[in-house]
């Protein structure tokens, strides 16, 4: 059973995308011989497996998946800081639906504006860098020396390589979620809490 599922998964990888448009019906029609097509494709996969090609495809798929995880694509639209700038970010949000606790008590009614920093704190500064730039890596290393609690978050480069080199956890801004939320366009950039707002600074080093 496991072997059959492996074959089906590889079959999905081999499938070619096609555009789905309605072209109408012309002339006589017949039922599509889907079982015959499936049998043919399964036979082809078995032949590939016998020749060792299927295992090669599986290994290549694993290699590509690991490469993507270890070295994600750089966040588009973020460049090396050429000019320093600083601004304040208010993290307040308007509640779309009423929030209740496990007992049904209303915590925040729909429409209420809530500032998360009134309930929690950003106890550690966030430092965003592009690890492909050696100068930014050196700057981050010195920053860590001054403020060991800082969280270093990459927008480019390998977080895993830096984690191993520094022997401390380095993070990656997946899909640019954090930088887009804060409006960060240049790195290095530092985020700190100042009262009920966040202070964000892009640094031209």
N, C-alpha and C. Protein backbone atom coordinates (compact mmCIF):
# COMPACT_ATOMS: atom_id res chain seq x y z
N UNK A 1 0.84 -1.20 0.00
CA UNK A 1 0.00 0.00 0.00
C UNK A 1 0.87 1.25 0.00
N UNK A 2 1.92 1.24 0.87
CA UNK A 2 2.81 2.41 0.95
C UNK A 2 3.51 2.63 -0.38
N UNK A 3 3.88 1.51 -1.04
CA UNK A 3 4.55 1.62 -2.33
C UNK A 3 3.64 2.26 -3.36
N UNK A 4 2.36 1.87 -3.34
CA UNK A 4 1.41 2.43 -4.31
C UNK A 4 1.23 3.93 -4.09
N UNK A 5 1.16 4.34 -2.81
CA UNK A 5 1.02 5.78 -2.52
C UNK A 5 2.25 6.54 -2.98
N UNK A 6 3.43 5.94 -2.84
CA UNK A 6 4.65 6.61 -3.30
C UNK A 6 4.60 6.82 -4.81
N UNK A 7 4.09 5.82 -5.52
CA UNK A 7 3.97 5.92 -6.98
C UNK A 7 2.99 7.02 -7.36
N UNK A 8 1.87 7.09 -6.62
CA UNK A 8 0.86 8.11 -6.92
C UNK A 8 1.40 9.51 -6.66
N UNK A 9 2.18 9.67 -5.58
CA UNK A 9 2.77 10.97 -5.28
C UNK A 9 3.71 11.41 -6.38
N UNK A 10 4.55 10.50 -6.86
CA UNK A 10 5.46 10.84 -7.95
C UNK A 10 4.67 11.14 -9.21
N UNK A 11 3.58 10.40 -9.41
CA UNK A 11 2.72 10.65 -10.57
C UNK A 11 2.21 12.08 -10.54
N UNK A 12 1.85 12.56 -9.34
CA UNK A 12 1.38 13.94 -9.21
C UNK A 12 2.47 14.93 -9.58
N UNK A 13 3.72 14.61 -9.24
CA UNK A 13 4.83 15.51 -9.57
C UNK A 13 5.09 15.55 -11.06
N UNK A 14 4.80 14.43 -11.75
CA UNK A 14 5.07 14.36 -13.18
C UNK A 14 3.96 14.98 -14.02
N UNK A 15 2.81 15.23 -13.39
CA UNK A 15 1.66 15.73 -14.15
C UNK A 15 1.96 17.11 -14.72
N UNK A 16 1.56 17.35 -15.97
CA UNK A 16 1.78 18.63 -16.62
C UNK A 16 0.55 19.51 -16.44
N UNK A 17 0.71 20.79 -16.04
CA UNK A 17 -0.44 21.69 -15.90
C UNK A 17 -1.01 22.05 -17.25
N UNK A 18 -2.34 22.13 -17.34
CA UNK A 18 -3.01 22.53 -18.58
C UNK A 18 -4.04 23.58 -18.25
N UNK A 19 -4.37 24.44 -19.21
CA UNK A 19 -5.40 25.45 -18.99
C UNK A 19 -6.76 24.81 -19.09
N UNK A 20 -7.69 25.23 -18.23
CA UNK A 20 -9.02 24.63 -18.18
C UNK A 20 -10.01 25.57 -18.82
N UNK A 21 -10.24 25.41 -20.09
CA UNK A 21 -11.21 26.24 -20.78
C UNK A 21 -12.29 25.38 -21.42
N UNK A 22 -13.52 25.91 -21.59
CA UNK A 22 -14.60 25.15 -22.20
C UNK A 22 -14.64 25.45 -23.69
N UNK A 23 -14.40 24.43 -24.51
CA UNK A 23 -14.33 24.62 -25.95
C UNK A 23 -15.59 24.17 -26.66
N UNK A 24 -16.58 23.69 -25.92
CA UNK A 24 -17.80 23.22 -26.56
C UNK A 24 -17.70 21.75 -26.94
N UNK A 25 -18.76 21.20 -27.55
CA UNK A 25 -18.79 19.80 -27.94
C UNK A 25 -19.00 19.72 -29.44
N UNK A 26 -18.17 18.97 -30.13
CA UNK A 26 -18.27 18.83 -31.58
C UNK A 26 -18.24 17.35 -31.94
N UNK A 27 -19.18 16.91 -32.78
CA UNK A 27 -19.19 15.54 -33.26
C UNK A 27 -19.57 14.55 -32.18
N UNK A 28 -19.30 13.26 -32.46
CA UNK A 28 -19.63 12.20 -31.51
C UNK A 28 -18.70 12.25 -30.31
N UNK A 29 -19.21 11.81 -29.17
CA UNK A 29 -18.40 11.78 -27.95
C UNK A 29 -18.38 10.36 -27.39
N UNK A 30 -17.31 10.04 -26.69
CA UNK A 30 -17.16 8.75 -26.03
C UNK A 30 -16.68 8.98 -24.60
N UNK A 31 -16.90 8.00 -23.75
CA UNK A 31 -16.40 8.10 -22.39
C UNK A 31 -14.87 8.03 -22.42
N UNK A 32 -14.25 8.85 -21.58
CA UNK A 32 -12.79 8.85 -21.51
C UNK A 32 -12.32 7.59 -20.81
N UNK A 33 -11.36 6.93 -21.40
CA UNK A 33 -10.85 5.67 -20.84
C UNK A 33 -9.83 5.96 -19.75
N UNK A 34 -10.31 6.50 -18.64
CA UNK A 34 -9.40 6.88 -17.56
C UNK A 34 -8.65 5.69 -16.97
N UNK A 35 -9.31 4.53 -16.74
CA UNK A 35 -8.57 3.39 -16.20
C UNK A 35 -7.40 2.98 -17.09
N UNK A 36 -7.61 3.00 -18.43
CA UNK A 36 -6.53 2.62 -19.34
C UNK A 36 -5.37 3.60 -19.23
N UNK A 37 -5.67 4.88 -19.14
CA UNK A 37 -4.62 5.88 -19.02
C UNK A 37 -3.85 5.70 -17.71
N UNK A 38 -4.59 5.45 -16.61
CA UNK A 38 -3.95 5.24 -15.33
C UNK A 38 -3.05 4.02 -15.35
N UNK A 39 -3.55 2.94 -15.97
CA UNK A 39 -2.74 1.73 -16.07
C UNK A 39 -1.46 1.99 -16.84
N UNK A 40 -1.58 2.77 -17.92
CA UNK A 40 -0.42 3.07 -18.74
C UNK A 40 0.61 3.87 -17.95
N UNK A 41 0.13 4.88 -17.21
CA UNK A 41 1.04 5.69 -16.42
C UNK A 41 1.67 4.89 -15.28
N UNK A 42 0.87 4.01 -14.66
CA UNK A 42 1.42 3.18 -13.59
C UNK A 42 2.47 2.24 -14.13
N UNK A 43 2.24 1.71 -15.34
CA UNK A 43 3.22 0.82 -15.96
C UNK A 43 4.52 1.57 -16.25
N UNK A 44 4.37 2.83 -16.68
CA UNK A 44 5.56 3.65 -16.95
C UNK A 44 6.33 3.91 -15.66
N UNK A 45 5.61 4.18 -14.57
CA UNK A 45 6.27 4.41 -13.29
C UNK A 45 6.97 3.16 -12.79
N UNK A 46 6.36 2.00 -13.01
CA UNK A 46 7.00 0.75 -12.59
C UNK A 46 8.28 0.52 -13.37
N UNK A 47 8.23 0.86 -14.67
CA UNK A 47 9.43 0.72 -15.50
C UNK A 47 10.53 1.65 -15.01
N UNK A 48 10.14 2.87 -14.64
CA UNK A 48 11.11 3.83 -14.11
C UNK A 48 11.69 3.34 -12.79
N UNK A 49 10.83 2.74 -11.97
CA UNK A 49 11.29 2.22 -10.69
C UNK A 49 12.27 1.08 -10.89
N UNK A 50 11.98 0.22 -11.84
CA UNK A 50 12.86 -0.91 -12.12
C UNK A 50 14.21 -0.44 -12.62
N UNK A 51 14.21 0.65 -13.38
CA UNK A 51 15.46 1.19 -13.94
C UNK A 51 16.20 2.07 -12.94
N UNK A 52 15.61 2.29 -11.77
CA UNK A 52 16.25 3.11 -10.75
C UNK A 52 15.99 4.59 -10.92
N UNK A 53 15.22 4.97 -11.94
CA UNK A 53 14.97 6.39 -12.19
C UNK A 53 13.99 6.99 -11.18
N UNK A 54 13.06 6.16 -10.71
CA UNK A 54 12.07 6.66 -9.75
C UNK A 54 12.75 7.06 -8.44
N UNK A 55 13.72 6.26 -8.00
CA UNK A 55 14.45 6.58 -6.78
C UNK A 55 15.25 7.87 -6.96
N UNK A 56 15.80 8.06 -8.15
CA UNK A 56 16.53 9.29 -8.44
C UNK A 56 15.62 10.51 -8.33
N UNK A 57 14.39 10.37 -8.86
CA UNK A 57 13.42 11.46 -8.79
C UNK A 57 13.06 11.78 -7.34
N UNK A 58 12.87 10.74 -6.54
CA UNK A 58 12.53 10.94 -5.14
C UNK A 58 13.66 11.65 -4.40
N UNK A 59 14.90 11.22 -4.66
CA UNK A 59 16.05 11.85 -4.01
C UNK A 59 16.21 13.30 -4.43
N UNK A 60 15.96 13.59 -5.71
CA UNK A 60 16.07 14.96 -6.21
C UNK A 60 14.99 15.84 -5.59
N UNK A 61 13.78 15.28 -5.44
CA UNK A 61 12.68 16.03 -4.82
C UNK A 61 13.02 16.37 -3.36
N UNK A 62 13.62 15.41 -2.64
CA UNK A 62 14.02 15.64 -1.26
C UNK A 62 15.11 16.71 -1.19
N UNK A 63 16.08 16.61 -2.12
CA UNK A 63 17.19 17.57 -2.13
C UNK A 63 16.68 18.99 -2.36
N UNK A 64 15.76 19.14 -3.31
CA UNK A 64 15.22 20.46 -3.61
C UNK A 64 14.41 21.00 -2.43
N UNK A 65 13.66 20.12 -1.78
CA UNK A 65 12.86 20.55 -0.63
C UNK A 65 13.75 21.03 0.51
N UNK A 66 14.83 20.29 0.79
CA UNK A 66 15.76 20.68 1.84
C UNK A 66 16.47 21.98 1.50
N UNK A 67 16.84 22.15 0.23
CA UNK A 67 17.52 23.37 -0.20
C UNK A 67 16.61 24.58 -0.01
N UNK A 68 15.32 24.41 -0.28
CA UNK A 68 14.37 25.51 -0.12
C UNK A 68 14.20 25.88 1.35
N UNK A 69 14.19 24.87 2.22
CA UNK A 69 14.04 25.12 3.66
C UNK A 69 15.29 25.78 4.23
N UNK A 70 16.46 25.27 3.85
CA UNK A 70 17.72 25.77 4.41
C UNK A 70 18.11 27.13 3.84
N UNK A 71 17.73 27.39 2.61
CA UNK A 71 18.13 28.64 1.96
C UNK A 71 16.93 29.22 1.21
N UNK A 72 15.97 29.80 1.93
CA UNK A 72 14.73 30.31 1.31
C UNK A 72 15.02 31.44 0.32
N UNK A 73 14.05 31.70 -0.53
CA UNK A 73 14.19 32.80 -1.48
C UNK A 73 14.23 34.14 -0.74
N UNK A 74 15.07 35.06 -1.20
CA UNK A 74 15.13 36.39 -0.56
C UNK A 74 13.78 37.09 -0.63
N UNK A 75 13.49 37.90 0.38
CA UNK A 75 12.24 38.65 0.40
C UNK A 75 12.32 39.75 -0.66
N UNK A 76 11.42 39.76 -1.64
CA UNK A 76 11.48 40.78 -2.69
C UNK A 76 11.16 42.18 -2.16
N UNK A 77 11.79 43.19 -2.77
CA UNK A 77 11.48 44.57 -2.42
C UNK A 77 12.28 45.13 -1.27
N UNK A 78 13.15 44.32 -0.66
CA UNK A 78 13.97 44.80 0.46
C UNK A 78 15.42 44.94 0.00
N UNK A 79 15.99 46.12 0.22
CA UNK A 79 17.35 46.41 -0.24
C UNK A 79 18.26 46.79 0.92
N UNK A 80 19.54 46.90 0.62
CA UNK A 80 20.51 47.37 1.62
C UNK A 80 20.24 48.84 1.90
N UNK A 81 20.24 49.21 3.18
CA UNK A 81 19.92 50.58 3.57
C UNK A 81 20.95 51.58 3.05
N UNK A 82 20.48 52.56 2.29
CA UNK A 82 21.34 53.62 1.78
C UNK A 82 21.18 54.90 2.59
N UNK A 83 20.03 55.03 3.22
CA UNK A 83 19.74 56.21 4.03
C UNK A 83 18.96 55.78 5.26
N UNK A 84 19.44 56.18 6.43
CA UNK A 84 18.77 55.78 7.67
C UNK A 84 17.42 56.47 7.80
N UNK A 85 16.47 55.80 8.38
CA UNK A 85 15.18 56.41 8.68
C UNK A 85 14.58 55.72 9.90
N UNK A 86 13.74 56.46 10.62
CA UNK A 86 13.13 55.95 11.85
C UNK A 86 11.67 56.37 11.90
N UNK A 87 10.83 55.48 12.37
CA UNK A 87 9.41 55.81 12.51
C UNK A 87 8.79 54.98 13.63
N UNK A 88 7.56 55.35 13.98
CA UNK A 88 6.83 54.67 15.04
C UNK A 88 5.70 53.87 14.42
N UNK A 89 5.52 52.65 14.92
CA UNK A 89 4.48 51.76 14.41
C UNK A 89 3.50 51.44 15.53
N UNK A 90 2.23 51.75 15.28
CA UNK A 90 1.16 51.44 16.24
C UNK A 90 0.55 50.10 15.86
N UNK A 91 0.71 49.05 16.68
CA UNK A 91 0.22 47.72 16.33
C UNK A 91 -1.27 47.50 16.59
N UNK A 92 -1.98 48.56 16.94
CA UNK A 92 -3.41 48.42 17.25
C UNK A 92 -4.19 47.88 16.06
N UNK A 93 -5.16 47.02 16.34
CA UNK A 93 -6.02 46.44 15.31
C UNK A 93 -7.47 46.54 15.74
N UNK A 94 -8.37 46.61 14.77
CA UNK A 94 -9.80 46.63 15.06
C UNK A 94 -10.32 45.19 15.03
N UNK A 95 -10.94 44.76 16.11
CA UNK A 95 -11.44 43.40 16.22
C UNK A 95 -12.61 43.19 15.26
N UNK A 96 -12.51 42.19 14.40
CA UNK A 96 -13.56 41.92 13.41
C UNK A 96 -14.72 41.13 14.00
N UNK A 97 -14.41 40.22 14.91
CA UNK A 97 -15.44 39.40 15.55
C UNK A 97 -15.22 39.42 17.06
N UNK A 98 -16.30 39.32 17.81
CA UNK A 98 -16.20 39.34 19.27
C UNK A 98 -15.32 38.20 19.77
N UNK A 99 -14.40 38.54 20.67
CA UNK A 99 -13.49 37.54 21.23
C UNK A 99 -13.95 37.20 22.64
N UNK A 100 -14.10 35.90 22.90
CA UNK A 100 -14.54 35.44 24.22
C UNK A 100 -13.53 34.46 24.80
N UNK A 101 -13.53 34.35 26.14
CA UNK A 101 -12.66 33.35 26.76
C UNK A 101 -13.38 32.01 26.80
N UNK A 102 -12.75 31.01 27.42
CA UNK A 102 -13.31 29.65 27.42
C UNK A 102 -14.62 29.55 28.22
N UNK A 103 -14.92 30.57 29.03
CA UNK A 103 -16.17 30.57 29.80
C UNK A 103 -17.27 31.37 29.11
N UNK A 104 -16.94 31.95 27.96
CA UNK A 104 -17.93 32.72 27.23
C UNK A 104 -17.94 34.20 27.58
N UNK A 105 -17.05 34.61 28.46
CA UNK A 105 -16.97 36.03 28.82
C UNK A 105 -16.35 36.83 27.68
N UNK A 106 -16.92 37.98 27.39
CA UNK A 106 -16.42 38.81 26.30
C UNK A 106 -15.12 39.50 26.70
N UNK A 107 -14.09 39.27 25.90
CA UNK A 107 -12.80 39.92 26.13
C UNK A 107 -12.71 41.20 25.32
N UNK A 108 -13.16 41.10 24.06
CA UNK A 108 -13.14 42.28 23.19
C UNK A 108 -14.30 42.17 22.21
N UNK A 109 -15.26 43.12 22.26
CA UNK A 109 -16.39 43.08 21.33
C UNK A 109 -15.97 43.46 19.92
N UNK A 110 -16.72 43.01 18.95
CA UNK A 110 -16.44 43.35 17.55
C UNK A 110 -16.43 44.86 17.37
N UNK A 111 -15.45 45.37 16.65
CA UNK A 111 -15.34 46.79 16.41
C UNK A 111 -14.41 47.51 17.36
N UNK A 112 -14.04 46.85 18.44
CA UNK A 112 -13.15 47.46 19.43
C UNK A 112 -11.72 47.51 18.89
N UNK A 113 -11.02 48.61 19.16
CA UNK A 113 -9.62 48.74 18.77
C UNK A 113 -8.75 48.24 19.92
N UNK A 114 -7.89 47.26 19.61
CA UNK A 114 -7.06 46.63 20.63
C UNK A 114 -5.59 46.81 20.29
N UNK A 115 -4.81 47.21 21.28
CA UNK A 115 -3.36 47.30 21.13
C UNK A 115 -2.74 46.10 21.84
N UNK A 116 -2.14 45.17 21.10
CA UNK A 116 -1.55 43.97 21.72
C UNK A 116 -0.52 44.30 22.79
N UNK A 117 0.15 45.45 22.67
CA UNK A 117 1.19 45.81 23.64
C UNK A 117 0.61 46.19 25.00
N UNK A 118 -0.72 46.29 25.09
CA UNK A 118 -1.35 46.53 26.39
C UNK A 118 -1.48 45.22 27.17
N UNK A 119 -1.31 44.09 26.46
CA UNK A 119 -1.48 42.79 27.10
C UNK A 119 -0.18 41.97 27.11
N UNK A 120 0.73 42.32 26.24
CA UNK A 120 2.01 41.61 26.17
C UNK A 120 3.10 42.60 25.79
N UNK A 121 4.35 42.16 25.85
CA UNK A 121 5.45 43.07 25.56
C UNK A 121 6.44 42.42 24.60
N UNK A 122 7.08 43.25 23.80
CA UNK A 122 8.18 42.79 22.97
C UNK A 122 9.45 42.96 23.81
N UNK A 123 9.80 41.92 24.52
CA UNK A 123 10.89 42.01 25.50
C UNK A 123 12.27 41.98 24.86
N UNK A 124 12.33 41.54 23.60
CA UNK A 124 13.62 41.45 22.91
C UNK A 124 13.57 42.29 21.63
N UNK A 125 14.63 43.03 21.33
CA UNK A 125 14.66 43.75 20.05
C UNK A 125 14.75 42.77 18.89
N UNK A 126 14.23 43.18 17.75
CA UNK A 126 14.30 42.38 16.53
C UNK A 126 15.29 43.05 15.58
N UNK A 127 16.20 42.27 15.03
CA UNK A 127 17.18 42.79 14.08
C UNK A 127 17.03 42.05 12.76
N UNK A 128 16.67 42.79 11.71
CA UNK A 128 16.50 42.21 10.38
C UNK A 128 17.74 42.50 9.54
N UNK A 129 18.29 41.45 8.92
CA UNK A 129 19.46 41.62 8.06
C UNK A 129 19.36 40.71 6.84
N UNK A 130 20.20 41.00 5.85
CA UNK A 130 20.38 40.12 4.70
C UNK A 130 21.73 39.44 4.87
N UNK A 131 21.70 38.14 5.15
CA UNK A 131 22.93 37.40 5.47
C UNK A 131 23.83 37.20 4.26
N UNK A 132 23.37 37.59 3.07
CA UNK A 132 24.24 37.52 1.89
C UNK A 132 25.24 38.67 1.88
N UNK A 133 25.01 39.67 2.72
CA UNK A 133 25.88 40.84 2.83
C UNK A 133 26.78 40.65 4.06
N UNK A 134 28.08 40.44 3.84
CA UNK A 134 29.01 40.18 4.94
C UNK A 134 29.05 41.34 5.94
N UNK A 135 28.88 42.54 5.44
CA UNK A 135 28.92 43.70 6.33
C UNK A 135 27.74 43.67 7.30
N UNK A 136 26.58 43.28 6.81
CA UNK A 136 25.41 43.19 7.68
C UNK A 136 25.57 42.07 8.70
N UNK A 137 26.18 40.96 8.27
CA UNK A 137 26.43 39.85 9.20
C UNK A 137 27.38 40.29 10.31
N UNK A 138 28.42 41.03 9.95
CA UNK A 138 29.37 41.54 10.95
C UNK A 138 28.68 42.50 11.91
N UNK A 139 27.82 43.37 11.35
CA UNK A 139 27.07 44.31 12.19
C UNK A 139 26.18 43.55 13.16
N UNK A 140 25.50 42.52 12.66
CA UNK A 140 24.61 41.73 13.51
C UNK A 140 25.38 41.00 14.60
N UNK A 141 26.56 40.50 14.25
CA UNK A 141 27.39 39.79 15.23
C UNK A 141 27.78 40.72 16.38
N UNK A 142 28.17 41.96 16.04
CA UNK A 142 28.51 42.94 17.07
C UNK A 142 27.28 43.32 17.89
N UNK A 143 26.13 43.42 17.24
CA UNK A 143 24.87 43.76 17.91
C UNK A 143 24.54 42.68 18.94
N UNK A 144 24.70 41.42 18.53
CA UNK A 144 24.44 40.30 19.44
C UNK A 144 25.37 40.36 20.65
N UNK A 145 26.61 40.77 20.41
CA UNK A 145 27.56 40.90 21.51
C UNK A 145 27.12 41.94 22.52
N UNK A 146 26.51 43.04 22.03
CA UNK A 146 26.05 44.11 22.92
C UNK A 146 24.72 43.76 23.58
N UNK A 147 23.84 43.15 22.79
CA UNK A 147 22.50 42.82 23.28
C UNK A 147 22.19 41.36 22.97
N UNK A 148 22.64 40.45 23.84
CA UNK A 148 22.50 39.01 23.58
C UNK A 148 21.06 38.53 23.42
N UNK A 149 20.09 39.29 23.92
CA UNK A 149 18.69 38.85 23.85
C UNK A 149 18.05 39.14 22.49
N UNK A 150 18.74 39.84 21.62
CA UNK A 150 18.17 40.21 20.33
C UNK A 150 17.80 38.98 19.51
N UNK A 151 16.72 39.10 18.75
CA UNK A 151 16.34 38.05 17.80
C UNK A 151 16.75 38.50 16.40
N UNK A 152 17.63 37.74 15.77
CA UNK A 152 18.09 38.07 14.43
C UNK A 152 17.19 37.36 13.42
N UNK A 153 16.63 38.14 12.50
CA UNK A 153 15.70 37.61 11.50
C UNK A 153 16.22 37.96 10.11
N UNK A 154 16.37 36.96 9.26
CA UNK A 154 16.91 37.18 7.93
C UNK A 154 15.83 37.48 6.90
N UNK A 155 16.21 38.28 5.90
CA UNK A 155 15.36 38.51 4.73
C UNK A 155 16.02 37.95 3.48
N UNK A 156 17.22 37.39 3.67
CA UNK A 156 17.97 36.78 2.58
C UNK A 156 19.13 36.01 3.15
N UNK A 157 19.59 34.97 2.44
CA UNK A 157 20.68 34.16 2.95
C UNK A 157 20.19 32.95 3.72
N UNK A 158 21.13 32.17 4.22
CA UNK A 158 20.80 30.92 4.91
C UNK A 158 20.75 31.10 6.42
N UNK A 159 19.57 30.97 6.98
CA UNK A 159 19.41 31.05 8.43
C UNK A 159 20.10 29.87 9.10
N UNK A 160 20.13 28.72 8.42
CA UNK A 160 20.72 27.52 9.01
C UNK A 160 22.24 27.66 9.12
N UNK A 161 22.88 28.19 8.08
CA UNK A 161 24.33 28.40 8.12
C UNK A 161 24.71 29.35 9.25
N UNK A 162 23.93 30.42 9.41
CA UNK A 162 24.23 31.40 10.46
C UNK A 162 23.96 30.82 11.85
N UNK A 163 22.91 30.02 11.96
CA UNK A 163 22.60 29.36 13.23
C UNK A 163 23.76 28.46 13.65
N UNK A 164 24.30 27.72 12.69
CA UNK A 164 25.42 26.83 12.99
C UNK A 164 26.68 27.62 13.33
N UNK A 165 26.93 28.68 12.58
CA UNK A 165 28.15 29.48 12.80
C UNK A 165 28.12 30.19 14.15
N UNK A 166 26.96 30.72 14.52
CA UNK A 166 26.84 31.48 15.77
C UNK A 166 26.49 30.61 16.97
N UNK A 167 26.04 29.38 16.68
CA UNK A 167 25.59 28.47 17.75
C UNK A 167 24.45 29.11 18.56
N UNK A 168 23.57 29.79 17.86
CA UNK A 168 22.36 30.36 18.45
C UNK A 168 21.30 30.43 17.36
N UNK A 169 20.03 30.42 17.75
CA UNK A 169 18.96 30.37 16.77
C UNK A 169 18.83 31.67 15.99
N UNK A 170 18.82 31.52 14.68
CA UNK A 170 18.56 32.64 13.77
C UNK A 170 17.27 32.32 13.03
N UNK A 171 16.45 33.33 12.78
CA UNK A 171 15.14 33.12 12.19
C UNK A 171 15.09 33.66 10.76
N UNK A 172 13.99 33.34 10.06
CA UNK A 172 13.79 33.84 8.70
C UNK A 172 12.37 34.40 8.60
N UNK A 173 12.26 35.55 7.95
CA UNK A 173 10.94 36.18 7.78
C UNK A 173 10.21 35.49 6.63
N UNK A 174 9.51 34.42 6.93
CA UNK A 174 8.84 33.64 5.91
C UNK A 174 7.84 34.48 5.13
N UNK A 175 8.02 34.48 3.81
CA UNK A 175 7.12 35.20 2.89
C UNK A 175 7.08 36.70 3.17
N UNK A 176 8.05 37.20 3.94
CA UNK A 176 8.08 38.64 4.22
C UNK A 176 6.94 39.11 5.09
N UNK A 177 6.37 38.21 5.89
CA UNK A 177 5.18 38.57 6.69
C UNK A 177 5.46 39.70 7.67
N UNK A 178 6.58 39.60 8.41
CA UNK A 178 6.87 40.60 9.45
C UNK A 178 7.30 41.92 8.85
N UNK A 179 8.23 41.87 7.88
CA UNK A 179 8.73 43.11 7.28
C UNK A 179 7.62 43.87 6.57
N UNK A 180 6.72 43.15 5.91
CA UNK A 180 5.62 43.84 5.23
C UNK A 180 4.66 44.46 6.25
N UNK A 181 4.45 43.78 7.35
CA UNK A 181 3.57 44.30 8.41
C UNK A 181 4.14 45.59 9.01
N UNK A 182 5.45 45.63 9.21
CA UNK A 182 6.10 46.79 9.81
C UNK A 182 6.48 47.86 8.78
N UNK A 183 6.39 47.54 7.51
CA UNK A 183 6.75 48.51 6.48
C UNK A 183 8.24 48.65 6.26
N UNK A 184 9.00 47.62 6.62
CA UNK A 184 10.45 47.65 6.45
C UNK A 184 10.81 47.42 4.99
N UNK A 185 11.62 48.32 4.43
CA UNK A 185 12.04 48.23 3.03
C UNK A 185 13.55 48.16 2.88
N UNK A 186 14.28 48.46 3.98
CA UNK A 186 15.74 48.43 3.94
C UNK A 186 16.27 47.69 5.16
N UNK A 187 17.43 47.07 4.99
CA UNK A 187 18.08 46.39 6.11
C UNK A 187 19.56 46.78 6.14
N UNK A 188 20.17 46.72 7.33
CA UNK A 188 19.62 46.24 8.59
C UNK A 188 18.55 47.17 9.17
N UNK A 189 17.64 46.56 9.91
CA UNK A 189 16.57 47.31 10.57
C UNK A 189 16.36 46.75 11.97
N UNK A 190 16.08 47.64 12.90
CA UNK A 190 15.89 47.24 14.30
C UNK A 190 14.49 47.65 14.75
N UNK A 191 13.82 46.75 15.46
CA UNK A 191 12.49 47.02 16.00
C UNK A 191 12.56 46.89 17.52
N UNK A 192 12.10 47.92 18.23
CA UNK A 192 12.07 47.92 19.69
C UNK A 192 10.72 48.44 20.17
N UNK A 193 10.32 48.01 21.36
CA UNK A 193 9.11 48.55 21.96
C UNK A 193 9.43 49.82 22.72
N UNK A 194 8.60 50.84 22.51
CA UNK A 194 8.69 52.09 23.25
C UNK A 194 7.29 52.41 23.76
N UNK A 195 7.03 52.04 25.00
CA UNK A 195 5.69 52.23 25.56
C UNK A 195 4.68 51.33 24.87
N UNK A 196 3.63 51.94 24.29
CA UNK A 196 2.58 51.17 23.63
C UNK A 196 2.73 51.14 22.11
N UNK A 197 3.90 51.55 21.62
CA UNK A 197 4.17 51.51 20.18
C UNK A 197 5.53 50.85 19.95
N UNK A 198 5.82 50.60 18.68
CA UNK A 198 7.11 50.04 18.30
C UNK A 198 7.91 51.09 17.55
N UNK A 199 9.17 51.18 17.89
CA UNK A 199 10.08 52.09 17.18
C UNK A 199 10.88 51.26 16.18
N UNK A 200 10.82 51.67 14.93
CA UNK A 200 11.50 50.94 13.86
C UNK A 200 12.55 51.84 13.23
N UNK A 201 13.73 51.30 13.05
CA UNK A 201 14.83 52.09 12.48
C UNK A 201 15.59 51.28 11.44
N UNK A 202 15.67 51.82 10.23
CA UNK A 202 16.51 51.26 9.18
C UNK A 202 17.86 51.97 9.24
N UNK A 203 18.94 51.21 9.20
CA UNK A 203 20.27 51.76 9.46
C UNK A 203 21.18 51.64 8.25
N UNK A 204 21.67 52.77 7.79
CA UNK A 204 22.67 52.78 6.71
C UNK A 204 24.04 52.62 7.36
N UNK A 205 24.59 51.44 7.27
CA UNK A 205 25.86 51.16 7.96
C UNK A 205 27.05 51.22 6.99
